[in-house]
Amino acid sequence: MAKPSALQIRNILAAVIMAVALVWNLVVGGPWWVSAIVAVACLLSSFSAYLNRPSARN
């Protein structure tokens, strides 16, 4: 298995933090639009980590 790049680690960390923020916003009953924005940001960060995997560069 290839070593993940710094950009990939940053994207995974951002996705995890946004997932925690999404759960927290849902638990406290935050606005739906904040949940939608955080969910989309989490998906984009996860997709970016997938696209920046070392095996995709070949």
C-alpha atoms as a PDB file:
ATOM      1  CA  MET A   1       0.000   0.000   0.000  1.00  0.00           C
ATOM      2  CA  ALA A   2       1.361   3.400  -0.963  1.00  0.00           C
ATOM      3  CA  LYS A   3       2.045   6.104   1.572  1.00  0.00           C
ATOM      4  CA  PRO A   4      -0.666   8.807   1.488  1.00  0.00           C
ATOM      5  CA  SER A   5       0.397  12.266   0.373  1.00  0.00           C
ATOM      6  CA  ALA A   6       0.220  15.333   2.612  1.00  0.00           C
ATOM      7  CA  LEU A   7      -2.693  16.685   0.569  1.00  0.00           C
ATOM      8  CA  GLN A   8      -4.560  13.403   0.951  1.00  0.00           C
ATOM      9  CA  ILE A   9      -4.024  13.395   4.734  1.00  0.00           C
ATOM     10  CA  ARG A  10      -5.238  16.993   4.944  1.00  0.00           C
ATOM     11  CA  ASN A  11      -8.374  16.152   2.963  1.00  0.00           C
ATOM     12  CA  ILE A  12      -9.131  13.113   5.122  1.00  0.00           C
ATOM     13  CA  LEU A  13      -8.640  15.154   8.301  1.00  0.00           C
ATOM     14  CA  ALA A  14     -10.910  17.904   6.944  1.00  0.00           C
ATOM     15  CA  ALA A  15     -13.588  15.330   6.043  1.00  0.00           C
ATOM     16  CA  VAL A  16     -13.489  13.802   9.527  1.00  0.00           C
ATOM     17  CA  ILE A  17     -13.726  17.214  11.215  1.00  0.00           C
ATOM     18  CA  MET A  18     -16.639  18.197   8.965  1.00  0.00           C
ATOM     19  CA  ALA A  19     -18.395  14.896   9.680  1.00  0.00           C
ATOM     20  CA  VAL A  20     -18.101  15.592  13.417  1.00  0.00           C
ATOM     21  CA  ALA A  21     -19.432  19.126  12.848  1.00  0.00           C
ATOM     22  CA  LEU A  22     -22.336  17.717  10.840  1.00  0.00           C
ATOM     23  CA  VAL A  23     -23.287  15.282  13.596  1.00  0.00           C
ATOM     24  CA  TRP A  24     -22.975  18.027  16.205  1.00  0.00           C
ATOM     25  CA  ASN A  25     -25.177  20.387  14.159  1.00  0.00           C
ATOM     26  CA  LEU A  26     -27.812  17.679  13.764  1.00  0.00           C
ATOM     27  CA  VAL A  27     -27.749  16.834  17.480  1.00  0.00           C
ATOM     28  CA  VAL A  28     -28.145  20.435  18.657  1.00  0.00           C
ATOM     29  CA  GLY A  29     -30.841  21.128  16.077  1.00  0.00           C
ATOM     30  CA  GLY A  30     -28.956  23.651  13.961  1.00  0.00           C
ATOM     31  CA  PRO A  31     -30.280  25.142  10.743  1.00  0.00           C
ATOM     32  CA  TRP A  32     -30.809  22.710   7.885  1.00  0.00           C
ATOM     33  CA  TRP A  33     -28.781  24.832   5.488  1.00  0.00           C
ATOM     34  CA  VAL A  34     -25.686  24.621   7.695  1.00  0.00           C
ATOM     35  CA  SER A  35     -26.044  20.831   7.701  1.00  0.00           C
ATOM     36  CA  ALA A  36     -26.361  20.838   3.913  1.00  0.00           C
ATOM     37  CA  ILE A  37     -23.259  22.992   3.421  1.00  0.00           C
ATOM     38  CA  VAL A  38     -21.168  20.903   5.818  1.00  0.00           C
ATOM     39  CA  ALA A  39     -22.382  17.658   4.218  1.00  0.00           C
ATOM     40  CA  VAL A  40     -21.440  18.861   0.725  1.00  0.00           C
ATOM     41  CA  ALA A  41     -18.042  20.062   1.982  1.00  0.00           C
ATOM     42  CA  CYS A  42     -17.440  16.683   3.619  1.00  0.00           C
ATOM     43  CA  LEU A  43     -18.285  14.855   0.395  1.00  0.00           C
ATOM     44  CA  LEU A  44     -16.060  17.129  -1.686  1.00  0.00           C
ATOM     45  CA  SER A  45     -13.146  16.682   0.702  1.00  0.00           C
ATOM     46  CA  SER A  46     -13.577  12.902   0.668  1.00  0.00           C
ATOM     47  CA  PHE A  47     -13.731  12.861  -3.130  1.00  0.00           C
ATOM     48  CA  SER A  48     -10.622  15.055  -3.312  1.00  0.00           C
ATOM     49  CA  ALA A  49      -8.743  12.637  -1.040  1.00  0.00           C
ATOM     50  CA  TYR A  50      -9.800   9.794  -3.335  1.00  0.00           C
ATOM     51  CA  LEU A  51      -8.680  11.642  -6.460  1.00  0.00           C
ATOM     52  CA  ASN A  52      -5.309  12.541  -4.913  1.00  0.00           C
ATOM     53  CA  ARG A  53      -4.394   8.956  -4.043  1.00  0.00           C
ATOM     54  CA  PRO A  54      -0.886   7.932  -5.139  1.00  0.00           C
ATOM     55  CA  SER A  55      -2.135   5.248  -7.555  1.00  0.00           C
ATOM     56  CA  ALA A  56      -4.207   7.821  -9.476  1.00  0.00           C
ATOM     57  CA  ARG A  57      -1.090   9.710 -10.587  1.00  0.00           C
ATOM     58  CA  ASN A  58       0.089   7.028 -12.992  1.00  0.00           C
END
